[in-house]
């Protein structure tokens, strides 16, 4: 997808550091020299086109509760069924398949570690599969971003 100038400027400027204020889109519009309606329409267009998958903050997980990266070794003929079951939990995000013995990976978040353990136990009872539970021990900040400015 070829990005229009507003989309390019919006992503370049706000893929890090979205304004923390009561009206962030209005603040973004002011910075970009356009209207709030144009910012919202641009974000909606990018989301509908599949160019933008998420708009929102990233929280320090340990301050907001607990999380873990989990993986299941799912028989190929049950992968869709088990993935759908895992995705039923609102605490689950980033549920995706991989070509590996552990072929279903997901991130599970909750208010505390016992909550996460209860969900993993429920999934094991429901599916007969034991999750590989990989809680983060040390955080490494990789401030990944992509400059979309004009190419040389």
C-alpha atoms as a PDB file:
ATOM      1  CA  UNK A   1       0.000   0.000   0.000  1.00  0.00           C
ATOM      2  CA  UNK A   2       1.351   3.382  -0.972  1.00  0.00           C
ATOM      3  CA  UNK A   3       1.001   5.825   1.906  1.00  0.00           C
ATOM      4  CA  UNK A   4      -0.347   9.309   1.368  1.00  0.00           C
ATOM      5  CA  UNK A   5       1.656  12.205   2.880  1.00  0.00           C
ATOM      6  CA  UNK A   6      -0.562  12.532   5.984  1.00  0.00           C
ATOM      7  CA  UNK A   7      -0.358   8.803   6.744  1.00  0.00           C
ATOM      8  CA  UNK A   8       3.413   8.869   6.348  1.00  0.00           C
ATOM      9  CA  UNK A   9       3.804  11.924   8.628  1.00  0.00           C
ATOM     10  CA  UNK A  10       1.366  10.492  11.177  1.00  0.00           C
ATOM     11  CA  UNK A  11       3.211   7.185  11.446  1.00  0.00           C
ATOM     12  CA  UNK A  12       6.664   8.812  11.436  1.00  0.00           C
ATOM     13  CA  UNK A  13       5.735  11.231  14.207  1.00  0.00           C
ATOM     14  CA  UNK A  14       3.504   9.084  16.428  1.00  0.00           C
ATOM     15  CA  UNK A  15       4.615   5.459  16.217  1.00  0.00           C
ATOM     16  CA  UNK A  16       6.384   6.400  19.461  1.00  0.00           C
ATOM     17  CA  UNK A  17       5.095   8.928  21.926  1.00  0.00           C
ATOM     18  CA  UNK A  18       1.372   9.267  21.384  1.00  0.00           C
ATOM     19  CA  UNK A  19       0.154  12.263  23.418  1.00  0.00           C
ATOM     20  CA  UNK A  20      -1.064  11.484  26.925  1.00  0.00           C
ATOM     21  CA  UNK A  21      -3.885  13.987  27.238  1.00  0.00           C
ATOM     22  CA  UNK A  22      -7.707  14.071  27.221  1.00  0.00           C
ATOM     23  CA  UNK A  23      -7.845  14.631  23.434  1.00  0.00           C
ATOM     24  CA  UNK A  24      -4.819  12.922  21.884  1.00  0.00           C
ATOM     25  CA  UNK A  25      -6.127  12.968  18.303  1.00  0.00           C
ATOM     26  CA  UNK A  26      -6.724  16.717  18.504  1.00  0.00           C
ATOM     27  CA  UNK A  27      -3.183  17.179  19.814  1.00  0.00           C
ATOM     28  CA  UNK A  28      -1.826  14.994  17.018  1.00  0.00           C
ATOM     29  CA  UNK A  29      -3.782  17.012  14.436  1.00  0.00           C
ATOM     30  CA  UNK A  30      -2.365  20.265  15.800  1.00  0.00           C
ATOM     31  CA  UNK A  31       1.188  18.885  15.516  1.00  0.00           C
ATOM     32  CA  UNK A  32       0.544  17.666  11.951  1.00  0.00           C
ATOM     33  CA  UNK A  33      -1.276  20.809  10.793  1.00  0.00           C
ATOM     34  CA  UNK A  34      -4.584  19.129   9.987  1.00  0.00           C
ATOM     35  CA  UNK A  35      -7.941  18.485  11.662  1.00  0.00           C
ATOM     36  CA  UNK A  36      -8.787  15.910  14.297  1.00  0.00           C
ATOM     37  CA  UNK A  37     -11.305  14.385  11.852  1.00  0.00           C
ATOM     38  CA  UNK A  38      -8.525  13.946   9.281  1.00  0.00           C
ATOM     39  CA  UNK A  39      -6.306  12.159  11.825  1.00  0.00           C
ATOM     40  CA  UNK A  40      -9.118   9.810  12.845  1.00  0.00           C
ATOM     41  CA  UNK A  41     -10.091   9.119   9.214  1.00  0.00           C
ATOM     42  CA  UNK A  42      -6.445   8.443   8.352  1.00  0.00           C
ATOM     43  CA  UNK A  43      -6.060   5.982  11.251  1.00  0.00           C
ATOM     44  CA  UNK A  44      -9.310   4.239  10.323  1.00  0.00           C
ATOM     45  CA  UNK A  45      -8.183   3.916   6.707  1.00  0.00           C
ATOM     46  CA  UNK A  46      -4.802   2.474   7.749  1.00  0.00           C
ATOM     47  CA  UNK A  47      -6.495   0.001  10.099  1.00  0.00           C
ATOM     48  CA  UNK A  48      -9.066  -1.122   7.505  1.00  0.00           C
ATOM     49  CA  UNK A  49      -6.322  -1.562   4.903  1.00  0.00           C
ATOM     50  CA  UNK A  50      -4.376  -3.762   7.320  1.00  0.00           C
ATOM     51  CA  UNK A  51      -1.441  -1.360   7.273  1.00  0.00           C
ATOM     52  CA  UNK A  52      -1.846  -0.467  10.929  1.00  0.00           C
ATOM     53  CA  UNK A  53      -2.679  -3.218  13.389  1.00  0.00           C
ATOM     54  CA  UNK A  54      -2.772  -1.382  16.695  1.00  0.00           C
ATOM     55  CA  UNK A  55      -3.217   2.092  18.112  1.00  0.00           C
ATOM     56  CA  UNK A  56      -2.615   2.462  21.808  1.00  0.00           C
ATOM     57  CA  UNK A  57      -0.159   2.426  24.656  1.00  0.00           C
ATOM     58  CA  UNK A  58       2.279  -0.273  25.642  1.00  0.00           C
ATOM     59  CA  UNK A  59       2.327  -0.800  29.386  1.00  0.00           C
ATOM     60  CA  UNK A  60       5.076  -2.045  31.627  1.00  0.00           C
ATOM     61  CA  UNK A  61       3.516  -5.446  32.287  1.00  0.00           C
ATOM     62  CA  UNK A  62       4.929  -5.860  35.773  1.00  0.00           C
ATOM     63  CA  UNK A  63       3.263  -2.632  36.916  1.00  0.00           C
ATOM     64  CA  UNK A  64      -0.097  -3.564  35.453  1.00  0.00           C
ATOM     65  CA  UNK A  65      -0.259  -7.176  36.643  1.00  0.00           C
ATOM     66  CA  UNK A  66       1.452 -10.267  35.324  1.00  0.00           C
ATOM     67  CA  UNK A  67       2.076 -11.859  31.951  1.00  0.00           C
ATOM     68  CA  UNK A  68       3.707 -14.839  30.330  1.00  0.00           C
ATOM     69  CA  UNK A  69       4.596 -16.103  26.903  1.00  0.00           C
ATOM     70  CA  UNK A  70       3.059 -19.534  26.504  1.00  0.00           C
ATOM     71  CA  UNK A  71       3.335 -22.235  23.868  1.00  0.00           C
ATOM     72  CA  UNK A  72       1.431 -25.417  23.137  1.00  0.00           C
ATOM     73  CA  UNK A  73       2.444 -28.443  21.080  1.00  0.00           C
ATOM     74  CA  UNK A  74      -0.840 -28.999  19.252  1.00  0.00           C
ATOM     75  CA  UNK A  75      -1.511 -31.886  16.852  1.00  0.00           C
ATOM     76  CA  UNK A  76      -1.908 -30.374  13.376  1.00  0.00           C
ATOM     77  CA  UNK A  77      -5.484 -31.585  13.003  1.00  0.00           C
ATOM     78  CA  UNK A  78      -6.486 -29.762  16.219  1.00  0.00           C
ATOM     79  CA  UNK A  79      -4.576 -26.507  15.688  1.00  0.00           C
ATOM     80  CA  UNK A  80      -7.548 -24.380  14.588  1.00  0.00           C
ATOM     81  CA  UNK A  81      -9.783 -25.764  17.340  1.00  0.00           C
ATOM     82  CA  UNK A  82      -7.216 -25.187  20.098  1.00  0.00           C
ATOM     83  CA  UNK A  83      -6.276 -21.737  18.767  1.00  0.00           C
ATOM     84  CA  UNK A  84      -9.956 -20.741  18.834  1.00  0.00           C
ATOM     85  CA  UNK A  85     -10.257 -22.007  22.426  1.00  0.00           C
ATOM     86  CA  UNK A  86      -7.163 -20.063  23.510  1.00  0.00           C
ATOM     87  CA  UNK A  87      -8.461 -16.906  21.813  1.00  0.00           C
ATOM     88  CA  UNK A  88     -11.692 -17.041  23.824  1.00  0.00           C
ATOM     89  CA  UNK A  89      -9.844 -15.607  26.801  1.00  0.00           C
ATOM     90  CA  UNK A  90      -9.757 -11.794  26.870  1.00  0.00           C
ATOM     91  CA  UNK A  91      -6.413 -12.143  28.662  1.00  0.00           C
ATOM     92  CA  UNK A  92      -4.826 -13.632  25.523  1.00  0.00           C
ATOM     93  CA  UNK A  93      -3.151 -11.638  22.787  1.00  0.00           C
ATOM     94  CA  UNK A  94      -0.631 -12.378  20.059  1.00  0.00           C
ATOM     95  CA  UNK A  95      -2.029 -15.879  19.492  1.00  0.00           C
ATOM     96  CA  UNK A  96      -0.169 -17.266  16.471  1.00  0.00           C
ATOM     97  CA  UNK A  97       0.967 -20.501  14.847  1.00  0.00           C
ATOM     98  CA  UNK A  98       4.629 -21.399  14.274  1.00  0.00           C
ATOM     99  CA  UNK A  99       6.360 -24.212  12.422  1.00  0.00           C
ATOM    100  CA  UNK A 100       7.876 -25.957  15.419  1.00  0.00           C
ATOM    101  CA  UNK A 101       7.064 -28.713  17.895  1.00  0.00           C
ATOM    102  CA  UNK A 102       5.528 -25.950  20.010  1.00  0.00           C
ATOM    103  CA  UNK A 103       3.342 -24.645  17.222  1.00  0.00           C
ATOM    104  CA  UNK A 104       0.854 -22.347  19.015  1.00  0.00           C
ATOM    105  CA  UNK A 105       2.249 -19.333  20.865  1.00  0.00           C
ATOM    106  CA  UNK A 106       0.373 -16.658  22.801  1.00  0.00           C
ATOM    107  CA  UNK A 107       0.857 -13.967  25.414  1.00  0.00           C
ATOM    108  CA  UNK A 108      -1.334 -14.209  28.481  1.00  0.00           C
ATOM    109  CA  UNK A 109      -1.843 -11.250  30.819  1.00  0.00           C
ATOM    110  CA  UNK A 110      -3.743 -10.935  34.070  1.00  0.00           C
ATOM    111  CA  UNK A 111      -3.957  -9.090  37.355  1.00  0.00           C
ATOM    112  CA  UNK A 112      -1.508 -11.468  39.060  1.00  0.00           C
ATOM    113  CA  UNK A 113       0.449 -14.683  38.578  1.00  0.00           C
ATOM    114  CA  UNK A 114      -2.205 -16.951  40.199  1.00  0.00           C
ATOM    115  CA  UNK A 115      -4.767 -15.680  37.654  1.00  0.00           C
ATOM    116  CA  UNK A 116      -2.460 -16.644  34.784  1.00  0.00           C
ATOM    117  CA  UNK A 117      -1.831 -20.056  36.324  1.00  0.00           C
ATOM    118  CA  UNK A 118      -5.599 -20.664  36.609  1.00  0.00           C
ATOM    119  CA  UNK A 119      -6.061 -19.948  32.908  1.00  0.00           C
ATOM    120  CA  UNK A 120      -3.155 -22.212  31.944  1.00  0.00           C
ATOM    121  CA  UNK A 121      -4.659 -24.952  34.139  1.00  0.00           C
ATOM    122  CA  UNK A 122      -8.096 -24.478  32.516  1.00  0.00           C
ATOM    123  CA  UNK A 123      -6.552 -24.715  29.058  1.00  0.00           C
ATOM    124  CA  UNK A 124      -4.741 -27.904  30.030  1.00  0.00           C
ATOM    125  CA  UNK A 125      -7.972 -29.434  31.373  1.00  0.00           C
ATOM    126  CA  UNK A 126      -9.928 -28.358  28.265  1.00  0.00           C
ATOM    127  CA  UNK A 127      -7.358 -29.394  25.648  1.00  0.00           C
ATOM    128  CA  UNK A 128      -5.287 -32.094  27.340  1.00  0.00           C
ATOM    129  CA  UNK A 129      -2.175 -30.082  26.391  1.00  0.00           C
ATOM    130  CA  UNK A 130       0.355 -28.684  28.858  1.00  0.00           C
ATOM    131  CA  UNK A 131       1.568 -25.189  28.070  1.00  0.00           C
ATOM    132  CA  UNK A 132       5.199 -24.215  28.042  1.00  0.00           C
ATOM    133  CA  UNK A 133       5.084 -21.256  30.449  1.00  0.00           C
ATOM    134  CA  UNK A 134       7.787 -18.642  29.821  1.00  0.00           C
ATOM    135  CA  UNK A 135       7.306 -15.638  32.108  1.00  0.00           C
ATOM    136  CA  UNK A 136       9.648 -12.742  31.416  1.00  0.00           C
ATOM    137  CA  UNK A 137      12.457 -12.606  33.961  1.00  0.00           C
ATOM    138  CA  UNK A 138      14.334  -9.627  32.532  1.00  0.00           C
ATOM    139  CA  UNK A 139      12.926  -6.893  30.292  1.00  0.00           C
ATOM    140  CA  UNK A 140      14.945  -5.753  27.315  1.00  0.00           C
ATOM    141  CA  UNK A 141      13.655  -2.610  25.662  1.00  0.00           C
ATOM    142  CA  UNK A 142      13.908  -2.726  21.903  1.00  0.00           C
ATOM    143  CA  UNK A 143      12.382   0.532  20.759  1.00  0.00           C
ATOM    144  CA  UNK A 144      11.531  -0.775  17.320  1.00  0.00           C
ATOM    145  CA  UNK A 145      10.303   1.785  14.853  1.00  0.00           C
ATOM    146  CA  UNK A 146      10.504   2.384  11.155  1.00  0.00           C
ATOM    147  CA  UNK A 147      11.226   5.773   9.623  1.00  0.00           C
ATOM    148  CA  UNK A 148       8.906   6.291   6.667  1.00  0.00           C
ATOM    149  CA  UNK A 149      10.388   9.561   5.462  1.00  0.00           C
ATOM    150  CA  UNK A 150      11.415  10.042   1.868  1.00  0.00           C
ATOM    151  CA  UNK A 151      13.978   7.563   0.673  1.00  0.00           C
ATOM    152  CA  UNK A 152      17.257   8.951  -0.734  1.00  0.00           C
END
